[in-house]
Amino acid sequence: MGMCPICNGMVSLDTTCHVCHQNLVDYGRIMDYYEKYDAYLPIDLTKLSNGIANDLKDEKCPHFVTCAKCGTSSVYLVTEQ
């Protein structure tokens, strides 16, 4: 199991919108937006059911990101360390 540098405050997300090229706002792990108590489940367990292929095996942490300018939302996969 890797460690997400974004979730652990080691770095901040620095990526831009593919539509308007403005900085994206990171709203955290997508698993935190599922069911009421899913944010408290083990991360590796939620990766098995989040619908993203191989994020557990490839050590990726899926983050919900949105563009403040155009409103485009997407999932950004952060490489764990």
PDB file of N, CA and C in Angstrom:
ATOM      1  N   MET A   1       0.851  -1.172   0.000  1.00  0.00           N
ATOM      2  CA  MET A   1       0.000   0.000   0.000  1.00  0.00           C
ATOM      3  C   MET A   1       0.895   1.232   0.000  1.00  0.00           C
ATOM      4  N   GLY A   2       0.653   2.101  -0.970  1.00  0.00           N
ATOM      5  CA  GLY A   2       1.382   3.354  -1.053  1.00  0.00           C
ATOM      6  C   GLY A   2       0.728   4.427  -0.205  1.00  0.00           C
ATOM      7  N   MET A   3       1.363   5.581  -0.198  1.00  0.00           N
ATOM      8  CA  MET A   3       0.847   6.713   0.561  1.00  0.00           C
ATOM      9  C   MET A   3       0.635   7.879  -0.406  1.00  0.00           C
ATOM     10  N   CYS A   4      -0.542   8.468  -0.380  1.00  0.00           N
ATOM     11  CA  CYS A   4      -0.855   9.582  -1.272  1.00  0.00           C
ATOM     12  C   CYS A   4      -0.193  10.858  -0.739  1.00  0.00           C
ATOM     13  N   PRO A   5       0.683  11.488  -1.525  1.00  0.00           N
ATOM     14  CA  PRO A   5       1.334  12.708  -1.066  1.00  0.00           C
ATOM     15  C   PRO A   5       0.376  13.889  -0.954  1.00  0.00           C
ATOM     16  N   ILE A   6      -0.721  13.855  -1.689  1.00  0.00           N
ATOM     17  CA  ILE A   6      -1.721  14.932  -1.620  1.00  0.00           C
ATOM     18  C   ILE A   6      -2.531  14.789  -0.332  1.00  0.00           C
ATOM     19  N   CYS A   7      -3.060  13.598  -0.078  1.00  0.00           N
ATOM     20  CA  CYS A   7      -3.866  13.359   1.126  1.00  0.00           C
ATOM     21  C   CYS A   7      -3.073  13.622   2.406  1.00  0.00           C
ATOM     22  N   ASN A   8      -1.766  13.367   2.357  1.00  0.00           N
ATOM     23  CA  ASN A   8      -0.933  13.518   3.541  1.00  0.00           C
ATOM     24  C   ASN A   8      -0.262  14.884   3.635  1.00  0.00           C
ATOM     25  N   GLY A   9      -0.650  15.815   2.781  1.00  0.00           N
ATOM     26  CA  GLY A   9      -0.176  17.193   2.872  1.00  0.00           C
ATOM     27  C   GLY A   9       1.282  17.402   2.524  1.00  0.00           C
ATOM     28  N   MET A  10       1.890  16.460   1.825  1.00  0.00           N
ATOM     29  CA  MET A  10       3.299  16.601   1.456  1.00  0.00           C
ATOM     30  C   MET A  10       3.480  17.546   0.268  1.00  0.00           C
ATOM     31  N   VAL A  11       2.531  17.527  -0.644  1.00  0.00           N
ATOM     32  CA  VAL A  11       2.512  18.414  -1.810  1.00  0.00           C
ATOM     33  C   VAL A  11       1.066  18.812  -2.069  1.00  0.00           C
ATOM     34  N   SER A  12       0.873  19.799  -2.906  1.00  0.00           N
ATOM     35  CA  SER A  12      -0.483  20.157  -3.304  1.00  0.00           C
ATOM     36  C   SER A  12      -0.679  19.775  -4.774  1.00  0.00           C
ATOM     37  N   LEU A  13      -1.919  19.581  -5.144  1.00  0.00           N
ATOM     38  CA  LEU A  13      -2.239  19.185  -6.507  1.00  0.00           C
ATOM     39  C   LEU A  13      -1.961  20.355  -7.439  1.00  0.00           C
ATOM     40  N   ASP A  14      -1.194  20.101  -8.476  1.00  0.00           N
ATOM     41  CA  ASP A  14      -0.832  21.135  -9.430  1.00  0.00           C
ATOM     42  C   ASP A  14      -1.103  20.622 -10.832  1.00  0.00           C
ATOM     43  N   THR A  15      -2.365  20.713 -11.240  1.00  0.00           N
ATOM     44  CA  THR A  15      -2.752  20.274 -12.573  1.00  0.00           C
ATOM     45  C   THR A  15      -3.811  21.235 -13.109  1.00  0.00           C
ATOM     46  N   THR A  16      -3.977  21.240 -14.412  1.00  0.00           N
ATOM     47  CA  THR A  16      -4.895  22.193 -15.029  1.00  0.00           C
ATOM     48  C   THR A  16      -6.032  21.499 -15.757  1.00  0.00           C
ATOM     49  N   CYS A  17      -7.079  22.246 -15.974  1.00  0.00           N
ATOM     50  CA  CYS A  17      -8.283  21.784 -16.665  1.00  0.00           C
ATOM     51  C   CYS A  17      -7.962  21.507 -18.133  1.00  0.00           C
ATOM     52  N   HIS A  18      -8.459  20.394 -18.650  1.00  0.00           N
ATOM     53  CA  HIS A  18      -8.223  20.057 -20.050  1.00  0.00           C
ATOM     54  C   HIS A  18      -9.092  20.889 -21.001  1.00  0.00           C
ATOM     55  N   VAL A  19     -10.091  21.596 -20.460  1.00  0.00           N
ATOM     56  CA  VAL A  19     -10.975  22.421 -21.282  1.00  0.00           C
ATOM     57  C   VAL A  19     -10.463  23.854 -21.386  1.00  0.00           C
ATOM     58  N   CYS A  20     -10.231  24.500 -20.222  1.00  0.00           N
ATOM     59  CA  CYS A  20      -9.874  25.922 -20.232  1.00  0.00           C
ATOM     60  C   CYS A  20      -8.476  26.203 -19.679  1.00  0.00           C
ATOM     61  N   HIS A  21      -7.767  25.180 -19.261  1.00  0.00           N
ATOM     62  CA  HIS A  21      -6.374  25.270 -18.812  1.00  0.00           C
ATOM     63  C   HIS A  21      -6.173  26.102 -17.537  1.00  0.00           C
ATOM     64  N   GLN A  22      -7.204  26.207 -16.716  1.00  0.00           N
ATOM     65  CA  GLN A  22      -7.076  26.860 -15.416  1.00  0.00           C
ATOM     66  C   GLN A  22      -6.737  25.800 -14.368  1.00  0.00           C
ATOM     67  N   ASN A  23      -6.198  26.229 -13.241  1.00  0.00           N
ATOM     68  CA  ASN A  23      -5.868  25.284 -12.169  1.00  0.00           C
ATOM     69  C   ASN A  23      -7.123  24.600 -11.641  1.00  0.00           C
ATOM     70  N   LEU A  24      -6.999  23.303 -11.356  1.00  0.00           N
ATOM     71  CA  LEU A  24      -8.108  22.533 -10.806  1.00  0.00           C
ATOM     72  C   LEU A  24      -8.102  22.612  -9.288  1.00  0.00           C
ATOM     73  N   VAL A  25      -9.302  22.550  -8.709  1.00  0.00           N
ATOM     74  CA  VAL A  25      -9.471  22.547  -7.258  1.00  0.00           C
ATOM     75  C   VAL A  25      -9.657  21.096  -6.819  1.00  0.00           C
ATOM     76  N   ASP A  26      -8.853  20.663  -5.862  1.00  0.00           N
ATOM     77  CA  ASP A  26      -8.908  19.292  -5.350  1.00  0.00           C
ATOM     78  C   ASP A  26      -9.887  19.227  -4.186  1.00  0.00           C
ATOM     79  N   TYR A  27     -10.863  18.325  -4.284  1.00  0.00           N
ATOM     80  CA  TYR A  27     -11.841  18.133  -3.214  1.00  0.00           C
ATOM     81  C   TYR A  27     -11.622  16.835  -2.449  1.00  0.00           C
ATOM     82  N   GLY A  28     -10.456  16.205  -2.621  1.00  0.00           N
ATOM     83  CA  GLY A  28     -10.127  15.009  -1.854  1.00  0.00           C
ATOM     84  C   GLY A  28     -10.469  13.716  -2.563  1.00  0.00           C
ATOM     85  N   ARG A  29     -10.293  12.622  -1.834  1.00  0.00           N
ATOM     86  CA  ARG A  29     -10.529  11.276  -2.384  1.00  0.00           C
ATOM     87  C   ARG A  29     -11.990  11.089  -2.763  1.00  0.00           C
ATOM     88  N   ILE A  30     -12.224  10.440  -3.887  1.00  0.00           N
ATOM     89  CA  ILE A  30     -13.598  10.215  -4.321  1.00  0.00           C
ATOM     90  C   ILE A  30     -14.349   9.294  -3.367  1.00  0.00           C
ATOM     91  N   MET A  31     -13.625   8.410  -2.675  1.00  0.00           N
ATOM     92  CA  MET A  31     -14.278   7.477  -1.765  1.00  0.00           C
ATOM     93  C   MET A  31     -14.916   8.196  -0.585  1.00  0.00           C
ATOM     94  N   ASP A  32     -14.452   9.391  -0.282  1.00  0.00           N
ATOM     95  CA  ASP A  32     -15.022  10.164   0.822  1.00  0.00           C
ATOM     96  C   ASP A  32     -16.414  10.699   0.497  1.00  0.00           C
ATOM     97  N   TYR A  33     -16.830  10.599  -0.754  1.00  0.00           N
ATOM     98  CA  TYR A  33     -18.129  11.113  -1.187  1.00  0.00           C
ATOM     99  C   TYR A  33     -19.158  10.013  -1.417  1.00  0.00           C
ATOM    100  N   TYR A  34     -18.823   8.783  -1.105  1.00  0.00           N
ATOM    101  CA  TYR A  34     -19.751   7.681  -1.309  1.00  0.00           C
ATOM    102  C   TYR A  34     -20.771   7.617  -0.177  1.00  0.00           C
ATOM    103  N   GLU A  35     -20.879   6.522   0.479  1.00  0.00           N
ATOM    104  CA  GLU A  35     -21.838   6.337   1.563  1.00  0.00           C
ATOM    105  C   GLU A  35     -21.398   7.074   2.826  1.00  0.00           C
ATOM    106  N   LYS A  36     -22.285   7.166   3.778  1.00  0.00           N
ATOM    107  CA  LYS A  36     -22.077   7.957   4.992  1.00  0.00           C
ATOM    108  C   LYS A  36     -20.779   7.626   5.730  1.00  0.00           C
ATOM    109  N   TYR A  37     -20.451   6.352   5.876  1.00  0.00           N
ATOM    110  CA  TYR A  37     -19.281   5.960   6.656  1.00  0.00           C
ATOM    111  C   TYR A  37     -18.135   5.432   5.797  1.00  0.00           C
ATOM    112  N   ASP A  38     -18.223   5.535   4.488  1.00  0.00           N
ATOM    113  CA  ASP A  38     -17.162   5.021   3.619  1.00  0.00           C
ATOM    114  C   ASP A  38     -15.822   5.722   3.840  1.00  0.00           C
ATOM    115  N   ALA A  39     -15.834   6.960   4.264  1.00  0.00           N
ATOM    116  CA  ALA A  39     -14.584   7.685   4.507  1.00  0.00           C
ATOM    117  C   ALA A  39     -13.777   7.056   5.640  1.00  0.00           C
ATOM    118  N   TYR A  40     -14.433   6.259   6.473  1.00  0.00           N
ATOM    119  CA  TYR A  40     -13.768   5.630   7.618  1.00  0.00           C
ATOM    120  C   TYR A  40     -13.327   4.200   7.348  1.00  0.00           C
ATOM    121  N   LEU A  41     -13.627   3.673   6.174  1.00  0.00           N
ATOM    122  CA  LEU A  41     -13.222   2.319   5.813  1.00  0.00           C
ATOM    123  C   LEU A  41     -11.748   2.316   5.397  1.00  0.00           C
ATOM    124  N   PRO A  42     -11.098   1.158   5.467  1.00  0.00           N
ATOM    125  CA  PRO A  42      -9.716   1.079   4.989  1.00  0.00           C
ATOM    126  C   PRO A  42      -9.631   1.474   3.509  1.00  0.00           C
ATOM    127  N   ILE A  43      -8.612   2.259   3.170  1.00  0.00           N
ATOM    128  CA  ILE A  43      -8.468   2.775   1.809  1.00  0.00           C
ATOM    129  C   ILE A  43      -8.391   1.639   0.789  1.00  0.00           C
ATOM    130  N   ASP A  44      -7.609   0.609   1.083  1.00  0.00           N
ATOM    131  CA  ASP A  44      -7.473  -0.499   0.137  1.00  0.00           C
ATOM    132  C   ASP A  44      -8.798  -1.214  -0.104  1.00  0.00           C
ATOM    133  N   LEU A  45      -9.646  -1.278   0.887  1.00  0.00           N
ATOM    134  CA  LEU A  45     -10.958  -1.908   0.738  1.00  0.00           C
ATOM    135  C   LEU A  45     -11.851  -1.082  -0.190  1.00  0.00           C
ATOM    136  N   THR A  46     -11.854   0.218  -0.028  1.00  0.00           N
ATOM    137  CA  THR A  46     -12.703   1.049  -0.882  1.00  0.00           C
ATOM    138  C   THR A  46     -12.196   1.105  -2.312  1.00  0.00           C
ATOM    139  N   LYS A  47     -10.894   0.915  -2.510  1.00  0.00           N
ATOM    140  CA  LYS A  47     -10.357   0.884  -3.874  1.00  0.00           C
ATOM    141  C   LYS A  47     -10.858  -0.327  -4.650  1.00  0.00           C
ATOM    142  N   LEU A  48     -11.217  -1.389  -3.955  1.00  0.00           N
ATOM    143  CA  LEU A  48     -11.713  -2.586  -4.625  1.00  0.00           C
ATOM    144  C   LEU A  48     -13.108  -2.396  -5.205  1.00  0.00           C
ATOM    145  N   SER A  49     -13.850  -1.408  -4.710  1.00  0.00           N
ATOM    146  CA  SER A  49     -15.233  -1.243  -5.158  1.00  0.00           C
ATOM    147  C   SER A  49     -15.539   0.156  -5.697  1.00  0.00           C
ATOM    148  N   ASN A  50     -14.518   0.946  -6.026  1.00  0.00           N
ATOM    149  CA  ASN A  50     -14.788   2.315  -6.471  1.00  0.00           C
ATOM    150  C   ASN A  50     -15.005   2.447  -7.974  1.00  0.00           C
ATOM    151  N   GLY A  51     -14.868   1.351  -8.709  1.00  0.00           N
ATOM    152  CA  GLY A  51     -15.143   1.385 -10.144  1.00  0.00           C
ATOM    153  C   GLY A  51     -13.960   1.789 -11.011  1.00  0.00           C
ATOM    154  N   ILE A  52     -12.806   2.030 -10.401  1.00  0.00           N
ATOM    155  CA  ILE A  52     -11.615   2.396 -11.163  1.00  0.00           C
ATOM    156  C   ILE A  52     -10.720   1.166 -11.254  1.00  0.00           C
ATOM    157  N   ALA A  53     -10.460   0.743 -12.464  1.00  0.00           N
ATOM    158  CA  ALA A  53      -9.675  -0.476 -12.673  1.00  0.00           C
ATOM    159  C   ALA A  53      -8.226  -0.270 -12.260  1.00  0.00           C
ATOM    160  N   ASN A  54      -7.730  -1.187 -11.458  1.00  0.00           N
ATOM    161  CA  ASN A  54      -6.315  -1.291 -11.099  1.00  0.00           C
ATOM    162  C   ASN A  54      -5.767  -0.159 -10.239  1.00  0.00           C
ATOM    163  N   ASP A  55      -6.586   0.677  -9.623  1.00  0.00           N
ATOM    164  CA  ASP A  55      -6.013   1.748  -8.798  1.00  0.00           C
ATOM    165  C   ASP A  55      -5.322   1.201  -7.556  1.00  0.00           C
ATOM    166  N   LEU A  56      -5.776   0.053  -7.057  1.00  0.00           N
ATOM    167  CA  LEU A  56      -5.100  -0.570  -5.914  1.00  0.00           C
ATOM    168  C   LEU A  56      -3.757  -1.150  -6.359  1.00  0.00           C
ATOM    169  N   LYS A  57      -3.773  -1.916  -7.433  1.00  0.00           N
ATOM    170  CA  LYS A  57      -2.556  -2.556  -7.941  1.00  0.00           C
ATOM    171  C   LYS A  57      -1.538  -1.517  -8.420  1.00  0.00           C
ATOM    172  N   ASP A  58      -1.999  -0.471  -9.090  1.00  0.00           N
ATOM    173  CA  ASP A  58      -1.106   0.556  -9.641  1.00  0.00           C
ATOM    174  C   ASP A  58      -0.745   1.643  -8.629  1.00  0.00           C
ATOM    175  N   GLU A  59      -1.270   1.517  -7.403  1.00  0.00           N
ATOM    176  CA  GLU A  59      -1.025   2.484  -6.327  1.00  0.00           C
ATOM    177  C   GLU A  59      -1.363   3.912  -6.746  1.00  0.00           C
ATOM    178  N   LYS A  60      -2.624   4.101  -7.106  1.00  0.00           N
ATOM    179  CA  LYS A  60      -3.147   5.414  -7.492  1.00  0.00           C
ATOM    180  C   LYS A  60      -4.226   5.825  -6.497  1.00  0.00           C
ATOM    181  N   CYS A  61      -4.261   7.098  -6.152  1.00  0.00           N
ATOM    182  CA  CYS A  61      -5.275   7.621  -5.245  1.00  0.00           C
ATOM    183  C   CYS A  61      -6.204   8.533  -6.053  1.00  0.00           C
ATOM    184  N   PRO A  62      -7.466   8.129  -6.264  1.00  0.00           N
ATOM    185  CA  PRO A  62      -8.383   8.921  -7.081  1.00  0.00           C
ATOM    186  C   PRO A  62      -8.937  10.129  -6.318  1.00  0.00           C
ATOM    187  N   HIS A  63      -8.732  11.306  -6.883  1.00  0.00           N
ATOM    188  CA  HIS A  63      -9.205  12.557  -6.282  1.00  0.00           C
ATOM    189  C   HIS A  63     -10.267  13.188  -7.162  1.00  0.00           C
ATOM    190  N   PHE A  64     -11.266  13.791  -6.516  1.00  0.00           N
ATOM    191  CA  PHE A  64     -12.318  14.528  -7.206  1.00  0.00           C
ATOM    192  C   PHE A  64     -11.817  15.947  -7.415  1.00  0.00           C
ATOM    193  N   VAL A  65     -11.717  16.377  -8.686  1.00  0.00           N
ATOM    194  CA  VAL A  65     -11.237  17.718  -9.004  1.00  0.00           C
ATOM    195  C   VAL A  65     -12.264  18.457  -9.854  1.00  0.00           C
ATOM    196  N   THR A  66     -12.308  19.770  -9.668  1.00  0.00           N
ATOM    197  CA  THR A  66     -13.240  20.619 -10.406  1.00  0.00           C
ATOM    198  C   THR A  66     -12.529  21.892 -10.833  1.00  0.00           C
ATOM    199  N   CYS A  67     -12.888  22.396 -11.991  1.00  0.00           N
ATOM    200  CA  CYS A  67     -12.362  23.666 -12.475  1.00  0.00           C
ATOM    201  C   CYS A  67     -13.271  24.781 -11.971  1.00  0.00           C
ATOM    202  N   ALA A  68     -12.676  25.764 -11.292  1.00  0.00           N
ATOM    203  CA  ALA A  68     -13.456  26.882 -10.755  1.00  0.00           C
ATOM    204  C   ALA A  68     -13.968  27.801 -11.851  1.00  0.00           C
ATOM    205  N   LYS A  69     -13.323  27.799 -13.011  1.00  0.00           N
ATOM    206  CA  LYS A  69     -13.721  28.697 -14.091  1.00  0.00           C
ATOM    207  C   LYS A  69     -14.858  28.131 -14.941  1.00  0.00           C
ATOM    208  N   CYS A  70     -14.667  26.908 -15.478  1.00  0.00           N
ATOM    209  CA  CYS A  70     -15.670  26.358 -16.403  1.00  0.00           C
ATOM    210  C   CYS A  70     -16.577  25.305 -15.774  1.00  0.00           C
ATOM    211  N   GLY A  71     -16.229  24.831 -14.567  1.00  0.00           N
ATOM    212  CA  GLY A  71     -17.078  23.869 -13.866  1.00  0.00           C
ATOM    213  C   GLY A  71     -16.863  22.418 -14.244  1.00  0.00           C
ATOM    214  N   THR A  72     -15.893  22.128 -15.076  1.00  0.00           N
ATOM    215  CA  THR A  72     -15.611  20.750 -15.461  1.00  0.00           C
ATOM    216  C   THR A  72     -15.139  19.952 -14.248  1.00  0.00           C
ATOM    217  N   SER A  73     -15.735  18.786 -14.042  1.00  0.00           N
ATOM    218  CA  SER A  73     -15.350  17.904 -12.936  1.00  0.00           C
ATOM    219  C   SER A  73     -14.792  16.609 -13.496  1.00  0.00           C
ATOM    220  N   SER A  74     -13.839  16.042 -12.789  1.00  0.00           N
ATOM    221  CA  SER A  74     -13.259  14.774 -13.218  1.00  0.00           C
ATOM    222  C   SER A  74     -12.568  14.098 -12.046  1.00  0.00           C
ATOM    223  N   VAL A  75     -12.054  12.910 -12.306  1.00  0.00           N
ATOM    224  CA  VAL A  75     -11.272  12.169 -11.322  1.00  0.00           C
ATOM    225  C   VAL A  75      -9.824  12.224 -11.779  1.00  0.00           C
ATOM    226  N   TYR A  76      -8.949  12.622 -10.874  1.00  0.00           N
ATOM    227  CA  TYR A  76      -7.513  12.706 -11.160  1.00  0.00           C
ATOM    228  C   TYR A  76      -6.813  11.653 -10.324  1.00  0.00           C
ATOM    229  N   LEU A  77      -6.048  10.793 -10.948  1.00  0.00           N
ATOM    230  CA  LEU A  77      -5.341   9.717 -10.251  1.00  0.00           C
ATOM    231  C   LEU A  77      -3.960  10.187  -9.836  1.00  0.00           C
ATOM    232  N   VAL A  78      -3.739  10.270  -8.528  1.00  0.00           N
ATOM    233  CA  VAL A  78      -2.466  10.689  -7.958  1.00  0.00           C
ATOM    234  C   VAL A  78      -1.615   9.454  -7.719  1.00  0.00           C
ATOM    235  N   THR A  79      -0.373   9.498  -8.150  1.00  0.00           N
ATOM    236  CA  THR A  79       0.547   8.384  -7.936  1.00  0.00           C
ATOM    237  C   THR A  79       1.000   8.374  -6.480  1.00  0.00           C
ATOM    238  N   GLU A  80       0.767   7.244  -5.811  1.00  0.00           N
ATOM    239  CA  GLU A  80       1.166   7.106  -4.413  1.00  0.00           C
ATOM    240  C   GLU A  80       2.667   6.832  -4.331  1.00  0.00           C
ATOM    241  N   GLN A  81       3.232   7.142  -3.186  1.00  0.00           N
ATOM    242  CA  GLN A  81       4.670   6.924  -2.983  1.00  0.00           C
ATOM    243  C   GLN A  81       4.891   5.826  -1.977  1.00  0.00           C
TER     244      GLN A  81
END
